[in-house]
Protein backbone atom coordinates (compact mmCIF):
# COMPACT_ATOMS: atom_id res chain seq x y z
CA UNK A 1 0.00 0.00 0.00
CA UNK A 2 1.14 3.48 -0.73
CA UNK A 3 1.49 6.12 1.94
CA UNK A 4 -1.44 8.01 0.40
CA UNK A 5 -3.75 5.02 0.76
CA UNK A 6 -2.77 4.52 4.38
CA UNK A 7 -3.18 8.20 5.17
CA UNK A 8 -6.60 8.38 3.53
CA UNK A 9 -7.86 5.57 5.77
CA UNK A 10 -7.20 7.72 8.85
CA UNK A 11 -8.83 10.95 7.74
CA UNK A 12 -10.70 13.21 10.11
CA UNK A 13 -14.39 12.38 10.56
CA UNK A 14 -16.59 13.38 7.65
CA UNK A 15 -18.97 16.29 7.86
CA UNK A 16 -21.87 13.87 8.00
CA UNK A 17 -20.37 11.99 10.95
CA UNK A 18 -19.68 15.28 12.73
CA UNK A 19 -23.24 16.48 12.10
CA UNK A 20 -24.71 13.19 13.34
CA UNK A 21 -22.58 13.36 16.49
CA UNK A 22 -23.76 16.93 17.13
CA UNK A 23 -27.37 15.86 16.58
CA UNK A 24 -26.96 12.98 19.03
CA UNK A 25 -25.44 15.35 21.61
CA UNK A 26 -28.37 17.76 21.22
CA UNK A 27 -30.89 14.92 21.53
CA UNK A 28 -29.20 13.77 24.74
CA UNK A 29 -29.36 17.27 26.23
CA UNK A 30 -33.03 17.56 25.26
CA UNK A 31 -33.84 14.20 26.84
CA UNK A 32 -32.07 15.19 30.06
CA UNK A 33 -34.00 18.48 30.15
CA UNK A 34 -37.31 16.70 29.64
CA UNK A 35 -36.52 14.20 32.39
CA UNK A 36 -35.54 16.85 34.93
CA UNK A 37 -37.35 20.13 34.17
CA UNK A 38 -36.79 21.40 37.73
CA UNK A 39 -33.10 21.91 37.01
CA UNK A 40 -33.85 24.02 33.94
CA UNK A 41 -36.47 26.05 35.79
CA UNK A 42 -34.01 26.70 38.61
CA UNK A 43 -31.35 27.87 36.16
CA UNK A 44 -33.80 30.22 34.44
CA UNK A 45 -34.90 31.67 37.79
CA UNK A 46 -31.27 32.20 38.80
CA UNK A 47 -30.50 33.89 35.46
CA UNK A 48 -33.55 36.14 35.82
CA UNK A 49 -32.53 37.13 39.33
CA UNK A 50 -29.04 38.09 38.18
CA UNK A 51 -30.44 40.08 35.24
CA UNK A 52 -32.83 42.00 37.51
CA UNK A 53 -30.05 42.78 39.96
CA UNK A 54 -27.85 43.94 37.07
CA UNK A 55 -30.60 46.28 35.88
CA UNK A 56 -30.97 47.76 39.36
CA UNK A 57 -27.26 48.54 39.78
CA UNK A 58 -26.53 49.57 36.17
CA UNK A 59 -26.64 53.31 36.87
CA UNK A 60 -24.52 53.22 40.02
CA UNK A 61 -22.10 50.37 39.25
CA UNK A 62 -21.80 49.45 35.55
CA UNK A 63 -18.88 47.08 36.19
CA UNK A 64 -20.91 45.04 38.69
CA UNK A 65 -23.86 45.00 36.30
CA UNK A 66 -21.66 43.66 33.52
CA UNK A 67 -20.24 41.01 35.84
CA UNK A 68 -23.73 39.91 36.88
CA UNK A 69 -24.83 39.67 33.26
CA UNK A 70 -21.77 37.59 32.40
CA UNK A 71 -22.57 35.22 35.26
CA UNK A 72 -26.18 34.97 34.09
CA UNK A 73 -25.07 34.08 30.56
CA UNK A 74 -22.81 31.29 31.79
CA UNK A 75 -25.34 29.51 33.99
CA UNK A 76 -26.71 27.27 31.25
CA UNK A 77 -23.25 26.36 30.00
CA UNK A 78 -22.26 24.27 33.02
C-alpha atoms as a PDB file:
ATOM      1  CA  UNK A   1       0.000   0.000   0.000  1.00  0.00           C
ATOM      2  CA  UNK A   2       1.143   3.485  -0.727  1.00  0.00           C
ATOM      3  CA  UNK A   3       1.490   6.123   1.937  1.00  0.00           C
ATOM      4  CA  UNK A   4      -1.437   8.007   0.400  1.00  0.00           C
ATOM      5  CA  UNK A   5      -3.753   5.019   0.760  1.00  0.00           C
ATOM      6  CA  UNK A   6      -2.770   4.517   4.376  1.00  0.00           C
ATOM      7  CA  UNK A   7      -3.178   8.202   5.167  1.00  0.00           C
ATOM      8  CA  UNK A   8      -6.601   8.375   3.529  1.00  0.00           C
ATOM      9  CA  UNK A   9      -7.864   5.569   5.769  1.00  0.00           C
ATOM     10  CA  UNK A  10      -7.202   7.717   8.851  1.00  0.00           C
ATOM     11  CA  UNK A  11      -8.829  10.953   7.739  1.00  0.00           C
ATOM     12  CA  UNK A  12     -10.698  13.207  10.107  1.00  0.00           C
ATOM     13  CA  UNK A  13     -14.389  12.380  10.558  1.00  0.00           C
ATOM     14  CA  UNK A  14     -16.585  13.379   7.647  1.00  0.00           C
ATOM     15  CA  UNK A  15     -18.965  16.288   7.858  1.00  0.00           C
ATOM     16  CA  UNK A  16     -21.875  13.870   8.003  1.00  0.00           C
ATOM     17  CA  UNK A  17     -20.373  11.991  10.952  1.00  0.00           C
ATOM     18  CA  UNK A  18     -19.676  15.282  12.729  1.00  0.00           C
ATOM     19  CA  UNK A  19     -23.243  16.477  12.100  1.00  0.00           C
ATOM     20  CA  UNK A  20     -24.707  13.187  13.339  1.00  0.00           C
ATOM     21  CA  UNK A  21     -22.577  13.360  16.485  1.00  0.00           C
ATOM     22  CA  UNK A  22     -23.763  16.928  17.127  1.00  0.00           C
ATOM     23  CA  UNK A  23     -27.374  15.857  16.583  1.00  0.00           C
ATOM     24  CA  UNK A  24     -26.962  12.985  19.032  1.00  0.00           C
ATOM     25  CA  UNK A  25     -25.441  15.352  21.610  1.00  0.00           C
ATOM     26  CA  UNK A  26     -28.366  17.762  21.223  1.00  0.00           C
ATOM     27  CA  UNK A  27     -30.888  14.922  21.528  1.00  0.00           C
ATOM     28  CA  UNK A  28     -29.205  13.773  24.742  1.00  0.00           C
ATOM     29  CA  UNK A  29     -29.360  17.272  26.230  1.00  0.00           C
ATOM     30  CA  UNK A  30     -33.032  17.561  25.262  1.00  0.00           C
ATOM     31  CA  UNK A  31     -33.839  14.198  26.842  1.00  0.00           C
ATOM     32  CA  UNK A  32     -32.069  15.188  30.057  1.00  0.00           C
ATOM     33  CA  UNK A  33     -34.000  18.476  30.152  1.00  0.00           C
ATOM     34  CA  UNK A  34     -37.305  16.698  29.642  1.00  0.00           C
ATOM     35  CA  UNK A  35     -36.523  14.203  32.386  1.00  0.00           C
ATOM     36  CA  UNK A  36     -35.542  16.850  34.935  1.00  0.00           C
ATOM     37  CA  UNK A  37     -37.348  20.134  34.174  1.00  0.00           C
ATOM     38  CA  UNK A  38     -36.790  21.399  37.726  1.00  0.00           C
ATOM     39  CA  UNK A  39     -33.101  21.909  37.011  1.00  0.00           C
ATOM     40  CA  UNK A  40     -33.854  24.021  33.935  1.00  0.00           C
ATOM     41  CA  UNK A  41     -36.472  26.050  35.791  1.00  0.00           C
ATOM     42  CA  UNK A  42     -34.008  26.695  38.609  1.00  0.00           C
ATOM     43  CA  UNK A  43     -31.350  27.874  36.164  1.00  0.00           C
ATOM     44  CA  UNK A  44     -33.805  30.216  34.443  1.00  0.00           C
ATOM     45  CA  UNK A  45     -34.902  31.665  37.788  1.00  0.00           C
ATOM     46  CA  UNK A  46     -31.275  32.204  38.799  1.00  0.00           C
ATOM     47  CA  UNK A  47     -30.502  33.890  35.464  1.00  0.00           C
ATOM     48  CA  UNK A  48     -33.548  36.141  35.817  1.00  0.00           C
ATOM     49  CA  UNK A  49     -32.527  37.129  39.330  1.00  0.00           C
ATOM     50  CA  UNK A  50     -29.040  38.090  38.177  1.00  0.00           C
ATOM     51  CA  UNK A  51     -30.441  40.076  35.239  1.00  0.00           C
ATOM     52  CA  UNK A  52     -32.826  42.001  37.513  1.00  0.00           C
ATOM     53  CA  UNK A  53     -30.047  42.776  39.962  1.00  0.00           C
ATOM     54  CA  UNK A  54     -27.846  43.944  37.070  1.00  0.00           C
ATOM     55  CA  UNK A  55     -30.597  46.276  35.882  1.00  0.00           C
ATOM     56  CA  UNK A  56     -30.968  47.764  39.359  1.00  0.00           C
ATOM     57  CA  UNK A  57     -27.255  48.535  39.784  1.00  0.00           C
ATOM     58  CA  UNK A  58     -26.526  49.565  36.168  1.00  0.00           C
ATOM     59  CA  UNK A  59     -26.640  53.310  36.873  1.00  0.00           C
ATOM     60  CA  UNK A  60     -24.524  53.217  40.021  1.00  0.00           C
ATOM     61  CA  UNK A  61     -22.096  50.367  39.246  1.00  0.00           C
ATOM     62  CA  UNK A  62     -21.801  49.446  35.550  1.00  0.00           C
ATOM     63  CA  UNK A  63     -18.877  47.079  36.192  1.00  0.00           C
ATOM     64  CA  UNK A  64     -20.905  45.042  38.687  1.00  0.00           C
ATOM     65  CA  UNK A  65     -23.864  45.003  36.301  1.00  0.00           C
ATOM     66  CA  UNK A  66     -21.659  43.658  33.517  1.00  0.00           C
ATOM     67  CA  UNK A  67     -20.238  41.006  35.838  1.00  0.00           C
ATOM     68  CA  UNK A  68     -23.725  39.914  36.876  1.00  0.00           C
ATOM     69  CA  UNK A  69     -24.831  39.667  33.262  1.00  0.00           C
ATOM     70  CA  UNK A  70     -21.770  37.586  32.397  1.00  0.00           C
ATOM     71  CA  UNK A  71     -22.574  35.215  35.261  1.00  0.00           C
ATOM     72  CA  UNK A  72     -26.182  34.967  34.092  1.00  0.00           C
ATOM     73  CA  UNK A  73     -25.066  34.083  30.561  1.00  0.00           C
ATOM     74  CA  UNK A  74     -22.813  31.293  31.787  1.00  0.00           C
ATOM     75  CA  UNK A  75     -25.344  29.512  33.988  1.00  0.00           C
ATOM     76  CA  UNK A  76     -26.710  27.273  31.249  1.00  0.00           C
ATOM     77  CA  UNK A  77     -23.247  26.364  30.000  1.00  0.00           C
ATOM     78  CA  UNK A  78     -22.255  24.272  33.020  1.00  0.00           C
END
